[in-house]
Amino acid sequence: AEVADRAGEPVTLVGHSRGGLFARALAVRSPGLVRRVVALGSPL
């Protein structure tokens, strides 16, 4: 929310491994703040 507010637009989330799982969960919780999710080697 802080990054999206600062940028003034939705954010692309790039998560590595477990970080990609977190990114996907964030996209479900705050879809209006997320442009897309890119997961690197994440067991989605």
All heavy atoms as atom14 arrays in JSON, in Angstrom:
{
  "sequence": "AEVADRAGEPVTLVGHSRGGLFARALAVRSPGLVRRVVALGSPL",
  "atom14_mask": [
    [1, 1, 1, 1, 1, 0, 0, 0, 0, 0, 0, 0, 0, 0],
    [1, 1, 1, 1, 1, 1, 1, 1, 1, 0, 0, 0, 0, 0],
    [1, 1, 1, 1, 1, 1, 1, 0, 0, 0, 0, 0, 0, 0],
    [1, 1, 1, 1, 1, 0, 0, 0, 0, 0, 0, 0, 0, 0],
    [1, 1, 1, 1, 1, 1, 1, 1, 0, 0, 0, 0, 0, 0],
    [1, 1, 1, 1, 1, 1, 1, 1, 1, 1, 1, 0, 0, 0],
    [1, 1, 1, 1, 1, 0, 0, 0, 0, 0, 0, 0, 0, 0],
    [1, 1, 1, 1, 0, 0, 0, 0, 0, 0, 0, 0, 0, 0],
    [1, 1, 1, 1, 1, 1, 1, 1, 1, 0, 0, 0, 0, 0],
    [1, 1, 1, 1, 1, 1, 1, 0, 0, 0, 0, 0, 0, 0],
    [1, 1, 1, 1, 1, 1, 1, 0, 0, 0, 0, 0, 0, 0],
    [1, 1, 1, 1, 1, 1, 1, 0, 0, 0, 0, 0, 0, 0],
    [1, 1, 1, 1, 1, 1, 1, 1, 0, 0, 0, 0, 0, 0],
    [1, 1, 1, 1, 1, 1, 1, 0, 0, 0, 0, 0, 0, 0],
    [1, 1, 1, 1, 0, 0, 0, 0, 0, 0, 0, 0, 0, 0],
    [1, 1, 1, 1, 1, 1, 1, 1, 1, 1, 0, 0, 0, 0],
    [1, 1, 1, 1, 1, 1, 0, 0, 0, 0, 0, 0, 0, 0],
    [1, 1, 1, 1, 1, 1, 1, 1, 1, 1, 1, 0, 0, 0],
    [1, 1, 1, 1, 0, 0, 0, 0, 0, 0, 0, 0, 0, 0],
    [1, 1, 1, 1, 0, 0, 0, 0, 0, 0, 0, 0, 0, 0],
    [1, 1, 1, 1, 1, 1, 1, 1, 0, 0, 0, 0, 0, 0],
    [1, 1, 1, 1, 1, 1, 1, 1, 1, 1, 1, 0, 0, 0],
    [1, 1, 1, 1, 1, 0, 0, 0, 0, 0, 0, 0, 0, 0],
    [1, 1, 1, 1, 1, 1, 1, 1, 1, 1, 1, 0, 0, 0],
    [1, 1, 1, 1, 1, 0, 0, 0, 0, 0, 0, 0, 0, 0],
    [1, 1, 1, 1, 1, 1, 1, 1, 0, 0, 0, 0, 0, 0],
    [1, 1, 1, 1, 1, 0, 0, 0, 0, 0, 0, 0, 0, 0],
    [1, 1, 1, 1, 1, 1, 1, 0, 0, 0, 0, 0, 0, 0],
    [1, 1, 1, 1, 1, 1, 1, 1, 1, 1, 1, 0, 0, 0],
    [1, 1, 1, 1, 1, 1, 0, 0, 0, 0, 0, 0, 0, 0],
    [1, 1, 1, 1, 1, 1, 1, 0, 0, 0, 0, 0, 0, 0],
    [1, 1, 1, 1, 0, 0, 0, 0, 0, 0, 0, 0, 0, 0],
    [1, 1, 1, 1, 1, 1, 1, 1, 0, 0, 0, 0, 0, 0],
    [1, 1, 1, 1, 1, 1, 1, 0, 0, 0, 0, 0, 0, 0],
    [1, 1, 1, 1, 1, 1, 1, 1, 1, 1, 1, 0, 0, 0],
    [1, 1, 1, 1, 1, 1, 1, 1, 1, 1, 1, 0, 0, 0],
    [1, 1, 1, 1, 1, 1, 1, 0, 0, 0, 0, 0, 0, 0],
    [1, 1, 1, 1, 1, 1, 1, 0, 0, 0, 0, 0, 0, 0],
    [1, 1, 1, 1, 1, 0, 0, 0, 0, 0, 0, 0, 0, 0],
    [1, 1, 1, 1, 1, 1, 1, 1, 0, 0, 0, 0, 0, 0],
    [1, 1, 1, 1, 0, 0, 0, 0, 0, 0, 0, 0, 0, 0],
    [1, 1, 1, 1, 1, 1, 0, 0, 0, 0, 0, 0, 0, 0],
    [1, 1, 1, 1, 1, 1, 1, 0, 0, 0, 0, 0, 0, 0],
    [1, 1, 1, 1, 1, 1, 1, 1, 0, 0, 0, 0, 0, 0]
  ],
  "atom14_positions": [
    [[0.83, -1.21, 0.0], [0.0, 0.0, 0.0], [0.87, 1.26, 0.0], [0.56, 2.25, -0.68], [-0.92, -0.01, 1.22], [0.0, 0.0, 0.0], [0.0, 0.0, 0.0], [0.0, 0.0, 0.0], [0.0, 0.0, 0.0], [0.0, 0.0, 0.0], [0.0, 0.0, 0.0], [0.0, 0.0, 0.0], [0.0, 0.0, 0.0], [0.0, 0.0, 0.0]],
    [[1.96, 1.21, 0.74], [2.88, 2.35, 0.8], [3.53, 2.6, -0.55], [3.6, 3.76, -1.01], [3.96, 2.05, 1.85], [5.06, 3.07, 1.94], [6.16, 2.6, 2.89], [5.85, 2.21, 4.03], [7.35, 2.64, 2.47], [0.0, 0.0, 0.0], [0.0, 0.0, 0.0], [0.0, 0.0, 0.0], [0.0, 0.0, 0.0], [0.0, 0.0, 0.0]],
    [[3.98, 1.54, -1.21], [4.63, 1.68, -2.52], [3.64, 2.15, -3.57], [3.93, 3.05, -4.37], [5.27, 0.34, -2.94], [5.75, 0.4, -4.39], [6.44, 0.0, -2.02], [0.0, 0.0, 0.0], [0.0, 0.0, 0.0], [0.0, 0.0, 0.0], [0.0, 0.0, 0.0], [0.0, 0.0, 0.0], [0.0, 0.0, 0.0], [0.0, 0.0, 0.0]],
    [[2.43, 1.58, -3.58], [1.42, 1.98, -4.55], [1.02, 3.43, -4.37], [0.81, 4.17, -5.35], [0.19, 1.07, -4.43], [0.0, 0.0, 0.0], [0.0, 0.0, 0.0], [0.0, 0.0, 0.0], [0.0, 0.0, 0.0], [0.0, 0.0, 0.0], [0.0, 0.0, 0.0], [0.0, 0.0, 0.0], [0.0, 0.0, 0.0], [0.0, 0.0, 0.0]],
    [[0.92, 3.87, -3.11], [0.57, 5.26, -2.83], [1.68, 6.2, -3.3], [1.41, 7.26, -3.89], [0.32, 5.44, -1.33], [-0.07, 6.86, -0.98], [-1.15, 7.3, -1.41], [0.71, 7.55, -0.28], [0.0, 0.0, 0.0], [0.0, 0.0, 0.0], [0.0, 0.0, 0.0], [0.0, 0.0, 0.0], [0.0, 0.0, 0.0], [0.0, 0.0, 0.0]],
    [[2.92, 5.8, -3.06], [4.05, 6.63, -3.48], [4.15, 6.71, -4.99], [4.43, 7.77, -5.56], [5.35, 6.07, -2.89], [6.58, 6.91, -3.21], [7.84, 6.25, -2.66], [7.74, 6.0, -1.23], [8.7, 5.39, -0.53], [9.8, 4.96, -1.13], [8.54, 5.2, 0.76], [0.0, 0.0, 0.0], [0.0, 0.0, 0.0], [0.0, 0.0, 0.0]],
    [[3.9, 5.57, -5.66], [4.03, 5.52, -7.12], [2.8, 6.1, -7.82], [2.88, 6.52, -8.98], [4.26, 4.09, -7.57], [0.0, 0.0, 0.0], [0.0, 0.0, 0.0], [0.0, 0.0, 0.0], [0.0, 0.0, 0.0], [0.0, 0.0, 0.0], [0.0, 0.0, 0.0], [0.0, 0.0, 0.0], [0.0, 0.0, 0.0], [0.0, 0.0, 0.0]],
    [[1.65, 6.04, -7.15], [0.42, 6.53, -7.76], [-0.15, 5.59, -8.8], [-0.96, 6.01, -9.65], [0.0, 0.0, 0.0], [0.0, 0.0, 0.0], [0.0, 0.0, 0.0], [0.0, 0.0, 0.0], [0.0, 0.0, 0.0], [0.0, 0.0, 0.0], [0.0, 0.0, 0.0], [0.0, 0.0, 0.0], [0.0, 0.0, 0.0], [0.0, 0.0, 0.0]],
    [[0.21, 4.31, -8.73], [-0.3, 3.32, -9.68], [-0.08, 1.92, -9.12], [0.69, 1.74, -8.16], [0.4, 3.46, -11.03], [1.91, 3.26, -10.98], [2.54, 3.41, -12.35], [2.13, 2.66, -13.28], [3.42, 4.28, -12.5], [0.0, 0.0, 0.0], [0.0, 0.0, 0.0], [0.0, 0.0, 0.0], [0.0, 0.0, 0.0], [0.0, 0.0, 0.0]],
    [[-0.77, 0.92, -9.69], [-0.57, -0.47, -9.22], [0.87, -0.93, -9.39], [1.62, -0.43, -10.24], [-1.53, -1.28, -10.09], [-2.56, -0.3, -10.53], [-1.82, 1.0, -10.71], [0.0, 0.0, 0.0], [0.0, 0.0, 0.0], [0.0, 0.0, 0.0], [0.0, 0.0, 0.0], [0.0, 0.0, 0.0], [0.0, 0.0, 0.0], [0.0, 0.0, 0.0]],
    [[1.25, -1.91, -8.6], [2.64, -2.37, -8.5], [2.78, -3.78, -9.05], [1.92, -4.64, -8.83], [3.08, -2.36, -7.01], [4.52, -2.84, -6.87], [2.89, -0.96, -6.41], [0.0, 0.0, 0.0], [0.0, 0.0, 0.0], [0.0, 0.0, 0.0], [0.0, 0.0, 0.0], [0.0, 0.0, 0.0], [0.0, 0.0, 0.0], [0.0, 0.0, 0.0]],
    [[3.86, -4.03, -9.76], [4.2, -5.4, -10.16], [4.97, -6.05, -9.02], [5.95, -5.48, -8.51], [5.05, -5.42, -11.44], [4.26, -4.95, -12.54], [5.52, -6.84, -11.76], [0.0, 0.0, 0.0], [0.0, 0.0, 0.0], [0.0, 0.0, 0.0], [0.0, 0.0, 0.0], [0.0, 0.0, 0.0], [0.0, 0.0, 0.0], [0.0, 0.0, 0.0]],
    [[4.55, -7.23, -8.61], [5.22, -7.97, -7.55], [6.09, -9.05, -8.16], [5.6, -9.86, -8.95], [4.19, -8.62, -6.61], [3.17, -7.69, -5.96], [2.15, -8.51, -5.17], [3.86, -6.68, -5.06], [0.0, 0.0, 0.0], [0.0, 0.0, 0.0], [0.0, 0.0, 0.0], [0.0, 0.0, 0.0], [0.0, 0.0, 0.0], [0.0, 0.0, 0.0]],
    [[7.36, -9.04, -7.81], [8.29, -10.08, -8.28], [8.79, -10.82, -7.05], [9.48, -10.25, -6.21], [9.48, -9.48, -9.06], [10.45, -10.59, -9.48], [8.98, -8.71, -10.28], [0.0, 0.0, 0.0], [0.0, 0.0, 0.0], [0.0, 0.0, 0.0], [0.0, 0.0, 0.0], [0.0, 0.0, 0.0], [0.0, 0.0, 0.0], [0.0, 0.0, 0.0]],
    [[8.4, -12.09, -6.94], [8.78, -12.87, -5.77], [9.6, -14.09, -6.14], [9.26, -14.81, -7.08], [0.0, 0.0, 0.0], [0.0, 0.0, 0.0], [0.0, 0.0, 0.0], [0.0, 0.0, 0.0], [0.0, 0.0, 0.0], [0.0, 0.0, 0.0], [0.0, 0.0, 0.0], [0.0, 0.0, 0.0], [0.0, 0.0, 0.0], [0.0, 0.0, 0.0]],
    [[10.67, -14.31, -5.41], [11.51, -15.49, -5.63], [11.12, -16.58, -4.65], [11.06, -16.34, -3.45], [12.99, -15.12, -5.43], [13.94, -16.26, -5.64], [15.12, -16.37, -4.96], [13.87, -17.36, -6.45], [15.76, -17.47, -5.33], [15.01, -18.09, -6.24], [0.0, 0.0, 0.0], [0.0, 0.0, 0.0], [0.0, 0.0, 0.0], [0.0, 0.0, 0.0]],
    [[10.83, -17.77, -5.15], [10.54, -18.94, -4.32], [9.37, -18.64, -3.37], [8.27, -18.35, -3.82], [11.81, -19.35, -3.57], [11.7, -20.64, -3.03], [0.0, 0.0, 0.0], [0.0, 0.0, 0.0], [0.0, 0.0, 0.0], [0.0, 0.0, 0.0], [0.0, 0.0, 0.0], [0.0, 0.0, 0.0], [0.0, 0.0, 0.0], [0.0, 0.0, 0.0]],
    [[9.59, -18.71, -2.06], [8.51, -18.41, -1.11], [7.97, -17.0, -1.31], [6.79, -16.73, -1.07], [9.02, -18.58, 0.33], [7.92, -18.54, 1.38], [8.49, -18.53, 2.78], [7.44, -18.74, 3.78], [7.54, -18.33, 5.04], [8.63, -17.7, 5.46], [6.56, -18.57, 5.89], [0.0, 0.0, 0.0], [0.0, 0.0, 0.0], [0.0, 0.0, 0.0]],
    [[8.82, -16.11, -1.77], [8.38, -14.75, -2.04], [7.29, -14.69, -3.09], [6.43, -13.81, -3.07], [0.0, 0.0, 0.0], [0.0, 0.0, 0.0], [0.0, 0.0, 0.0], [0.0, 0.0, 0.0], [0.0, 0.0, 0.0], [0.0, 0.0, 0.0], [0.0, 0.0, 0.0], [0.0, 0.0, 0.0], [0.0, 0.0, 0.0], [0.0, 0.0, 0.0]],
    [[7.32, -15.63, -4.05], [6.27, -15.69, -5.05], [4.94, -16.11, -4.47], [3.88, -15.67, -4.92], [0.0, 0.0, 0.0], [0.0, 0.0, 0.0], [0.0, 0.0, 0.0], [0.0, 0.0, 0.0], [0.0, 0.0, 0.0], [0.0, 0.0, 0.0], [0.0, 0.0, 0.0], [0.0, 0.0, 0.0], [0.0, 0.0, 0.0], [0.0, 0.0, 0.0]],
    [[4.97, -16.97, -3.44], [3.74, -17.35, -2.74], [3.16, -16.13, -2.03], [1.94, -15.9, -2.07], [4.04, -18.45, -1.72], [4.61, -19.77, -2.25], [4.84, -20.74, -1.1], [3.69, -20.39, -3.29], [0.0, 0.0, 0.0], [0.0, 0.0, 0.0], [0.0, 0.0, 0.0], [0.0, 0.0, 0.0], [0.0, 0.0, 0.0], [0.0, 0.0, 0.0]],
    [[4.02, -15.37, -1.38], [3.55, -14.16, -0.71], [2.95, -13.19, -1.72], [1.91, -12.56, -1.47], [4.71, -13.48, 0.01], [5.22, -14.2, 1.22], [6.35, -13.76, 1.88], [4.58, -15.33, 1.71], [6.82, -14.41, 3.02], [5.05, -16.0, 2.83], [6.18, -15.54, 3.49], [0.0, 0.0, 0.0], [0.0, 0.0, 0.0], [0.0, 0.0, 0.0]],
    [[3.61, -13.06, -2.87], [3.13, -12.13, -3.9], [1.75, -12.54, -4.4], [0.87, -11.69, -4.6], [4.13, -12.08, -5.06], [0.0, 0.0, 0.0], [0.0, 0.0, 0.0], [0.0, 0.0, 0.0], [0.0, 0.0, 0.0], [0.0, 0.0, 0.0], [0.0, 0.0, 0.0], [0.0, 0.0, 0.0], [0.0, 0.0, 0.0], [0.0, 0.0, 0.0]],
    [[1.54, -13.83, -4.59], [0.24, -14.29, -5.05], [-0.84, -14.03, -4.01], [-1.96, -13.63, -4.36], [0.29, -15.78, -5.38], [-0.92, -16.24, -6.19], [-0.95, -17.73, -6.41], [-1.99, -18.09, -7.35], [-3.3, -18.07, -7.07], [-3.71, -17.72, -5.86], [-4.2, -18.39, -8.0], [0.0, 0.0, 0.0], [0.0, 0.0, 0.0], [0.0, 0.0, 0.0]],
    [[-0.51, -14.24, -2.74], [-1.48, -13.96, -1.68], [-1.82, -12.47, -1.63], [-2.98, -12.09, -1.44], [-0.93, -14.42, -0.33], [0.0, 0.0, 0.0], [0.0, 0.0, 0.0], [0.0, 0.0, 0.0], [0.0, 0.0, 0.0], [0.0, 0.0, 0.0], [0.0, 0.0, 0.0], [0.0, 0.0, 0.0], [0.0, 0.0, 0.0], [0.0, 0.0, 0.0]],
    [[-0.83, -11.62, -1.85], [-1.06, -10.18, -1.86], [-1.99, -9.77, -3.0], [-2.85, -8.89, -2.85], [0.26, -9.42, -1.99], [1.16, -9.38, -0.77], [2.51, -8.77, -1.14], [0.51, -8.58, 0.35], [0.0, 0.0, 0.0], [0.0, 0.0, 0.0], [0.0, 0.0, 0.0], [0.0, 0.0, 0.0], [0.0, 0.0, 0.0], [0.0, 0.0, 0.0]],
    [[-1.83, -10.43, -4.15], [-2.67, -10.12, -5.31], [-4.12, -10.46, -5.05], [-5.04, -9.82, -5.57], [-2.16, -10.86, -6.54], [0.0, 0.0, 0.0], [0.0, 0.0, 0.0], [0.0, 0.0, 0.0], [0.0, 0.0, 0.0], [0.0, 0.0, 0.0], [0.0, 0.0, 0.0], [0.0, 0.0, 0.0], [0.0, 0.0, 0.0], [0.0, 0.0, 0.0]],
    [[-4.37, -11.49, -4.23], [-5.73, -11.86, -3.86], [-6.3, -10.86, -2.86], [-7.46, -10.46, -2.95], [-5.76, -13.3, -3.28], [-7.13, -13.62, -2.7], [-5.4, -14.31, -4.36], [0.0, 0.0, 0.0], [0.0, 0.0, 0.0], [0.0, 0.0, 0.0], [0.0, 0.0, 0.0], [0.0, 0.0, 0.0], [0.0, 0.0, 0.0], [0.0, 0.0, 0.0]],
    [[-5.49, -10.44, -1.91], [-5.97, -9.53, -0.86], [-6.15, -8.09, -1.34], [-7.07, -7.41, -0.91], [-4.99, -9.54, 0.32], [-4.89, -10.87, 1.01], [-4.1, -10.8, 2.28], [-3.92, -12.14, 2.81], [-3.48, -12.4, 4.03], [-3.17, -11.41, 4.84], [-3.33, -13.65, 4.42], [0.0, 0.0, 0.0], [0.0, 0.0, 0.0], [0.0, 0.0, 0.0]],
    [[-5.23, -7.64, -2.18], [-5.27, -6.23, -2.61], [-5.15, -6.14, -4.13], [-4.18, -5.57, -4.65], [-4.13, -5.46, -1.93], [-4.23, -5.52, -0.53], [0.0, 0.0, 0.0], [0.0, 0.0, 0.0], [0.0, 0.0, 0.0], [0.0, 0.0, 0.0], [0.0, 0.0, 0.0], [0.0, 0.0, 0.0], [0.0, 0.0, 0.0], [0.0, 0.0, 0.0]],
    [[-6.1, -6.71, -4.87], [-5.98, -6.74, -6.33], [-5.89, -5.37, -6.97], [-5.27, -5.22, -8.02], [-7.23, -7.51, -6.77], [-8.2, -7.32, -5.64], [-7.37, -7.3, -4.4], [0.0, 0.0, 0.0], [0.0, 0.0, 0.0], [0.0, 0.0, 0.0], [0.0, 0.0, 0.0], [0.0, 0.0, 0.0], [0.0, 0.0, 0.0], [0.0, 0.0, 0.0]],
    [[-6.5, -4.37, -6.35], [-6.46, -3.03, -6.92], [-5.09, -2.39, -6.86], [-4.84, -1.4, -7.57], [0.0, 0.0, 0.0], [0.0, 0.0, 0.0], [0.0, 0.0, 0.0], [0.0, 0.0, 0.0], [0.0, 0.0, 0.0], [0.0, 0.0, 0.0], [0.0, 0.0, 0.0], [0.0, 0.0, 0.0], [0.0, 0.0, 0.0], [0.0, 0.0, 0.0]],
    [[-4.21, -2.92, -6.02], [-2.87, -2.34, -5.86], [-1.82, -3.11, -6.66], [-0.65, -2.71, -6.67], [-2.47, -2.34, -4.38], [-3.38, -1.57, -3.42], [-2.82, -1.64, -2.01], [-3.55, -0.13, -3.87], [0.0, 0.0, 0.0], [0.0, 0.0, 0.0], [0.0, 0.0, 0.0], [0.0, 0.0, 0.0], [0.0, 0.0, 0.0], [0.0, 0.0, 0.0]],
    [[-2.22, -4.21, -7.29], [-1.26, -5.1, -7.97], [-1.52, -5.11, -9.47], [-2.64, -5.39, -9.91], [-1.35, -6.53, -7.41], [-0.4, -7.46, -8.17], [-1.04, -6.54, -5.92], [0.0, 0.0, 0.0], [0.0, 0.0, 0.0], [0.0, 0.0, 0.0], [0.0, 0.0, 0.0], [0.0, 0.0, 0.0], [0.0, 0.0, 0.0], [0.0, 0.0, 0.0]],
    [[-0.49, -4.82, -10.24], [-0.62, -4.88, -11.7], [-0.48, -6.32, -12.19], [-1.25, -6.79, -13.01], [0.45, -4.01, -12.38], [0.31, -3.96, -13.89], [1.32, -3.02, -14.53], [1.22, -1.68, -14.02], [0.3, -0.79, -14.38], [-0.63, -1.13, -15.27], [0.29, 0.42, -13.88], [0.0, 0.0, 0.0], [0.0, 0.0, 0.0], [0.0, 0.0, 0.0]],
    [[0.51, -7.02, -11.64], [0.73, -8.42, -12.0], [1.66, -9.04, -10.97], [2.3, -8.34, -10.19], [1.34, -8.56, -13.4], [2.75, -8.06, -13.51], [3.32, -8.23, -14.88], [2.6, -7.49, -15.9], [2.77, -6.19, -16.14], [3.61, -5.49, -15.4], [2.11, -5.58, -17.07], [0.0, 0.0, 0.0], [0.0, 0.0, 0.0], [0.0, 0.0, 0.0]],
    [[1.72, -10.36, -10.99], [2.64, -11.12, -10.14], [3.6, -11.88, -11.05], [3.18, -12.52, -12.02], [1.88, -12.12, -9.25], [2.86, -13.07, -8.54], [1.03, -11.38, -8.22], [0.0, 0.0, 0.0], [0.0, 0.0, 0.0], [0.0, 0.0, 0.0], [0.0, 0.0, 0.0], [0.0, 0.0, 0.0], [0.0, 0.0, 0.0], [0.0, 0.0, 0.0]],
    [[4.89, -11.81, -10.74], [5.88, -12.63, -11.42], [6.56, -13.49, -10.36], [7.2, -12.97, -9.44], [6.93, -11.77, -12.16], [7.91, -12.69, -12.91], [6.27, -10.8, -13.12], [0.0, 0.0, 0.0], [0.0, 0.0, 0.0], [0.0, 0.0, 0.0], [0.0, 0.0, 0.0], [0.0, 0.0, 0.0], [0.0, 0.0, 0.0], [0.0, 0.0, 0.0]],
    [[6.38, -14.8, -10.45], [6.93, -15.73, -9.48], [8.13, -16.45, -10.08], [8.05, -17.01, -11.17], [5.87, -16.74, -9.05], [0.0, 0.0, 0.0], [0.0, 0.0, 0.0], [0.0, 0.0, 0.0], [0.0, 0.0, 0.0], [0.0, 0.0, 0.0], [0.0, 0.0, 0.0], [0.0, 0.0, 0.0], [0.0, 0.0, 0.0], [0.0, 0.0, 0.0]],
    [[9.25, -16.42, -9.37], [10.48, -17.05, -9.83], [10.72, -18.33, -9.04], [11.09, -18.29, -7.87], [11.68, -16.11, -9.66], [11.52, -14.67, -10.17], [12.79, -13.88, -9.89], [11.2, -14.66, -11.66], [0.0, 0.0, 0.0], [0.0, 0.0, 0.0], [0.0, 0.0, 0.0], [0.0, 0.0, 0.0], [0.0, 0.0, 0.0], [0.0, 0.0, 0.0]],
    [[10.48, -19.47, -9.67], [10.71, -20.74, -9.0], [9.86, -20.94, -7.77], [10.32, -21.53, -6.78], [0.0, 0.0, 0.0], [0.0, 0.0, 0.0], [0.0, 0.0, 0.0], [0.0, 0.0, 0.0], [0.0, 0.0, 0.0], [0.0, 0.0, 0.0], [0.0, 0.0, 0.0], [0.0, 0.0, 0.0], [0.0, 0.0, 0.0], [0.0, 0.0, 0.0]],
    [[8.62, -20.5, -7.81], [7.72, -20.6, -6.66], [6.79, -21.79, -6.8], [6.17, -21.97, -7.85], [6.88, -19.32, -6.54], [7.71, -18.17, -6.43], [0.0, 0.0, 0.0], [0.0, 0.0, 0.0], [0.0, 0.0, 0.0], [0.0, 0.0, 0.0], [0.0, 0.0, 0.0], [0.0, 0.0, 0.0], [0.0, 0.0, 0.0], [0.0, 0.0, 0.0]],
    [[6.64, -22.59, -5.75], [5.75, -23.76, -5.82], [4.28, -23.37, -5.7], [3.6, -23.71, -4.73], [6.22, -24.61, -4.63], [6.71, -23.62, -3.64], [7.35, -22.52, -4.46], [0.0, 0.0, 0.0], [0.0, 0.0, 0.0], [0.0, 0.0, 0.0], [0.0, 0.0, 0.0], [0.0, 0.0, 0.0], [0.0, 0.0, 0.0], [0.0, 0.0, 0.0]],
    [[3.78, -22.66, -6.69], [2.43, -22.12, -6.65], [1.37, -23.21, -6.63], [0.27, -23.01, -6.12], [2.2, -21.19, -7.84], [3.07, -19.93, -7.89], [2.83, -19.18, -9.19], [2.79, -19.02, -6.69], [0.0, 0.0, 0.0], [0.0, 0.0, 0.0], [0.0, 0.0, 0.0], [0.0, 0.0, 0.0], [0.0, 0.0, 0.0], [0.0, 0.0, 0.0]]
  ]
}
